[in-house]
Amino acid sequence: MGKIILRLDRVMADRKISLKELSEKVGVSNVNLSKMKTGKISAIRFSTLEAICEALDCQPGDILEYDIHAENDE
């Protein structure tokens, strides 16, 4: 079974936006965004994903990637 990989760090770097700035724009704590950035989450609300995409001017597919060959840690 594959694994969903978060690419938030890559998109943030491409947009040259800091965690603090994104946190303020999205209304999500630095701690929660940091967990997303490092892939240490198991779920994300669509409303949060929408706010992140709005702030970063990107599509969900820019942030989320499905790796069919990766092993899930669960």
N, C-alpha and C. Protein backbone atom coordinates (compact mmCIF):
# COMPACT_ATOMS: atom_id res chain seq x y z
N MET A 1 0.84 -1.19 0.00
CA MET A 1 0.00 0.00 0.00
C MET A 1 0.88 1.25 0.00
N GLY A 2 0.46 2.27 -0.70
CA GLY A 2 1.23 3.50 -0.81
C GLY A 2 1.06 4.42 0.38
N LYS A 3 1.55 5.63 0.23
CA LYS A 3 1.56 6.59 1.31
C LYS A 3 1.37 8.00 0.75
N ILE A 4 0.59 8.81 1.47
CA ILE A 4 0.44 10.22 1.13
C ILE A 4 1.63 10.97 1.71
N ILE A 5 2.28 11.76 0.87
CA ILE A 5 3.44 12.55 1.29
C ILE A 5 3.08 14.03 1.19
N LEU A 6 3.37 14.77 2.26
CA LEU A 6 3.11 16.21 2.27
C LEU A 6 4.32 16.95 1.72
N ARG A 7 4.08 17.84 0.80
CA ARG A 7 5.15 18.63 0.18
C ARG A 7 5.02 20.11 0.52
N LEU A 8 4.42 20.40 1.69
CA LEU A 8 4.22 21.78 2.10
C LEU A 8 5.54 22.53 2.19
N ASP A 9 6.58 21.88 2.70
CA ASP A 9 7.88 22.54 2.83
C ASP A 9 8.41 23.01 1.48
N ARG A 10 8.23 22.18 0.45
CA ARG A 10 8.71 22.53 -0.89
C ARG A 10 7.95 23.73 -1.47
N VAL A 11 6.63 23.71 -1.30
CA VAL A 11 5.80 24.80 -1.84
C VAL A 11 6.10 26.10 -1.09
N MET A 12 6.27 26.00 0.23
CA MET A 12 6.62 27.20 1.01
C MET A 12 7.96 27.77 0.55
N ALA A 13 8.92 26.92 0.31
CA ALA A 13 10.24 27.38 -0.15
C ALA A 13 10.13 28.04 -1.53
N ASP A 14 9.35 27.43 -2.42
CA ASP A 14 9.14 28.00 -3.76
C ASP A 14 8.51 29.39 -3.68
N ARG A 15 7.59 29.56 -2.71
CA ARG A 15 6.87 30.84 -2.57
C ARG A 15 7.61 31.81 -1.66
N LYS A 16 8.72 31.35 -1.06
CA LYS A 16 9.52 32.17 -0.14
C LYS A 16 8.65 32.74 0.99
N ILE A 17 7.90 31.85 1.64
CA ILE A 17 7.04 32.24 2.75
C ILE A 17 7.45 31.48 4.00
N SER A 18 7.50 32.18 5.12
CA SER A 18 7.91 31.56 6.37
C SER A 18 6.73 30.86 7.04
N LEU A 19 7.05 30.01 7.97
CA LEU A 19 6.02 29.31 8.74
C LEU A 19 5.15 30.32 9.49
N LYS A 20 5.78 31.33 10.07
CA LYS A 20 5.05 32.36 10.82
C LYS A 20 4.08 33.11 9.91
N GLU A 21 4.54 33.50 8.74
CA GLU A 21 3.70 34.24 7.81
C GLU A 21 2.53 33.39 7.32
N LEU A 22 2.81 32.13 6.99
CA LEU A 22 1.74 31.24 6.54
C LEU A 22 0.74 30.99 7.66
N SER A 23 1.23 30.82 8.87
CA SER A 23 0.38 30.62 10.03
C SER A 23 -0.60 31.79 10.19
N GLU A 24 -0.11 33.00 10.04
CA GLU A 24 -0.95 34.20 10.18
C GLU A 24 -1.99 34.27 9.06
N LYS A 25 -1.59 33.94 7.84
CA LYS A 25 -2.51 34.00 6.71
C LYS A 25 -3.60 32.93 6.79
N VAL A 26 -3.23 31.75 7.28
CA VAL A 26 -4.14 30.60 7.27
C VAL A 26 -4.97 30.52 8.55
N GLY A 27 -4.44 31.05 9.65
CA GLY A 27 -5.14 30.96 10.92
C GLY A 27 -4.96 29.61 11.60
N VAL A 28 -3.82 28.99 11.36
CA VAL A 28 -3.46 27.71 11.98
C VAL A 28 -2.19 27.95 12.78
N SER A 29 -2.07 27.34 13.94
CA SER A 29 -0.91 27.57 14.81
C SER A 29 0.38 27.14 14.13
N ASN A 30 1.48 27.77 14.55
CA ASN A 30 2.81 27.40 14.05
C ASN A 30 3.09 25.92 14.30
N VAL A 31 2.67 25.43 15.48
CA VAL A 31 2.93 24.03 15.84
C VAL A 31 2.24 23.09 14.86
N ASN A 32 0.96 23.35 14.56
CA ASN A 32 0.23 22.48 13.64
C ASN A 32 0.77 22.57 12.22
N LEU A 33 1.12 23.76 11.78
CA LEU A 33 1.72 23.90 10.44
C LEU A 33 3.08 23.22 10.38
N SER A 34 3.83 23.31 11.45
CA SER A 34 5.14 22.64 11.49
C SER A 34 4.97 21.13 11.36
N LYS A 35 3.95 20.58 12.02
CA LYS A 35 3.67 19.14 11.90
C LYS A 35 3.30 18.78 10.47
N MET A 36 2.53 19.65 9.82
CA MET A 36 2.17 19.40 8.42
C MET A 36 3.42 19.46 7.54
N LYS A 37 4.25 20.44 7.81
CA LYS A 37 5.45 20.65 7.01
C LYS A 37 6.39 19.45 7.09
N THR A 38 6.45 18.81 8.25
CA THR A 38 7.34 17.68 8.44
C THR A 38 6.65 16.34 8.20
N GLY A 39 5.35 16.38 7.86
CA GLY A 39 4.62 15.15 7.57
C GLY A 39 4.22 14.36 8.79
N LYS A 40 4.17 14.99 9.94
CA LYS A 40 3.85 14.30 11.20
C LYS A 40 2.36 14.37 11.54
N ILE A 41 1.50 14.38 10.53
CA ILE A 41 0.06 14.39 10.76
C ILE A 41 -0.58 13.21 10.05
N SER A 42 -1.77 12.85 10.50
CA SER A 42 -2.47 11.73 9.87
C SER A 42 -3.74 12.19 9.16
N ALA A 43 -4.11 13.46 9.35
CA ALA A 43 -5.33 13.98 8.72
C ALA A 43 -5.19 15.50 8.55
N ILE A 44 -5.96 16.02 7.60
CA ILE A 44 -6.01 17.47 7.39
C ILE A 44 -7.44 17.82 6.99
N ARG A 45 -7.96 18.87 7.57
CA ARG A 45 -9.31 19.33 7.23
C ARG A 45 -9.29 19.98 5.85
N PHE A 46 -10.37 19.77 5.11
CA PHE A 46 -10.45 20.42 3.80
C PHE A 46 -10.39 21.94 3.95
N SER A 47 -11.00 22.48 5.00
CA SER A 47 -10.98 23.94 5.19
C SER A 47 -9.54 24.44 5.39
N THR A 48 -8.73 23.66 6.08
CA THR A 48 -7.32 24.03 6.27
C THR A 48 -6.56 23.92 4.96
N LEU A 49 -6.80 22.85 4.23
CA LEU A 49 -6.15 22.66 2.93
C LEU A 49 -6.53 23.79 1.98
N GLU A 50 -7.81 24.17 1.98
CA GLU A 50 -8.27 25.28 1.14
C GLU A 50 -7.57 26.58 1.51
N ALA A 51 -7.45 26.85 2.82
CA ALA A 51 -6.80 28.09 3.28
C ALA A 51 -5.32 28.10 2.90
N ILE A 52 -4.67 26.97 3.01
CA ILE A 52 -3.25 26.87 2.63
C ILE A 52 -3.09 27.10 1.13
N CYS A 53 -3.95 26.47 0.34
CA CYS A 53 -3.88 26.65 -1.12
C CYS A 53 -4.15 28.10 -1.51
N GLU A 54 -5.09 28.73 -0.83
CA GLU A 54 -5.38 30.15 -1.08
C GLU A 54 -4.16 31.01 -0.76
N ALA A 55 -3.57 30.78 0.40
CA ALA A 55 -2.42 31.59 0.84
C ALA A 55 -1.19 31.37 -0.04
N LEU A 56 -1.01 30.15 -0.54
CA LEU A 56 0.18 29.83 -1.34
C LEU A 56 -0.09 29.89 -2.84
N ASP A 57 -1.33 30.19 -3.22
CA ASP A 57 -1.72 30.24 -4.63
C ASP A 57 -1.28 28.95 -5.34
N CYS A 58 -1.79 27.83 -4.81
CA CYS A 58 -1.43 26.54 -5.37
C CYS A 58 -2.64 25.60 -5.37
N GLN A 59 -2.46 24.43 -5.90
CA GLN A 59 -3.48 23.39 -5.93
C GLN A 59 -3.17 22.34 -4.86
N PRO A 60 -4.18 21.61 -4.37
CA PRO A 60 -3.92 20.55 -3.38
C PRO A 60 -2.85 19.55 -3.85
N GLY A 61 -2.83 19.27 -5.14
CA GLY A 61 -1.84 18.34 -5.69
C GLY A 61 -0.41 18.85 -5.62
N ASP A 62 -0.25 20.16 -5.39
CA ASP A 62 1.09 20.71 -5.20
C ASP A 62 1.62 20.39 -3.81
N ILE A 63 0.69 20.16 -2.87
CA ILE A 63 1.04 19.93 -1.47
C ILE A 63 1.01 18.45 -1.12
N LEU A 64 0.08 17.71 -1.72
CA LEU A 64 -0.10 16.30 -1.43
C LEU A 64 0.36 15.44 -2.59
N GLU A 65 1.09 14.39 -2.27
CA GLU A 65 1.57 13.47 -3.30
C GLU A 65 1.31 12.04 -2.83
N TYR A 66 0.90 11.17 -3.72
CA TYR A 66 0.68 9.76 -3.39
C TYR A 66 1.83 8.95 -3.96
N ASP A 67 2.56 8.29 -3.07
CA ASP A 67 3.68 7.44 -3.48
C ASP A 67 3.24 5.99 -3.36
N ILE A 68 2.97 5.37 -4.48
CA ILE A 68 2.45 4.01 -4.51
C ILE A 68 3.47 3.00 -3.99
N HIS A 69 4.73 3.34 -4.02
CA HIS A 69 5.78 2.40 -3.62
C HIS A 69 6.21 2.54 -2.16
N ALA A 70 5.78 3.63 -1.51
CA ALA A 70 6.18 3.85 -0.11
C ALA A 70 5.39 2.97 0.82
N GLU A 71 5.99 2.60 1.91
CA GLU A 71 5.33 1.80 2.94
C GLU A 71 4.74 2.73 3.97
N ASN A 72 3.49 2.48 4.36
CA ASN A 72 2.85 3.24 5.43
C ASN A 72 3.44 2.80 6.76
N ASP A 73 3.66 3.76 7.66
CA ASP A 73 4.21 3.46 8.99
C ASP A 73 3.15 2.98 9.96
N GLU A 74 1.90 3.02 9.55
CA GLU A 74 0.80 2.68 10.46
C GLU A 74 0.64 1.20 10.64
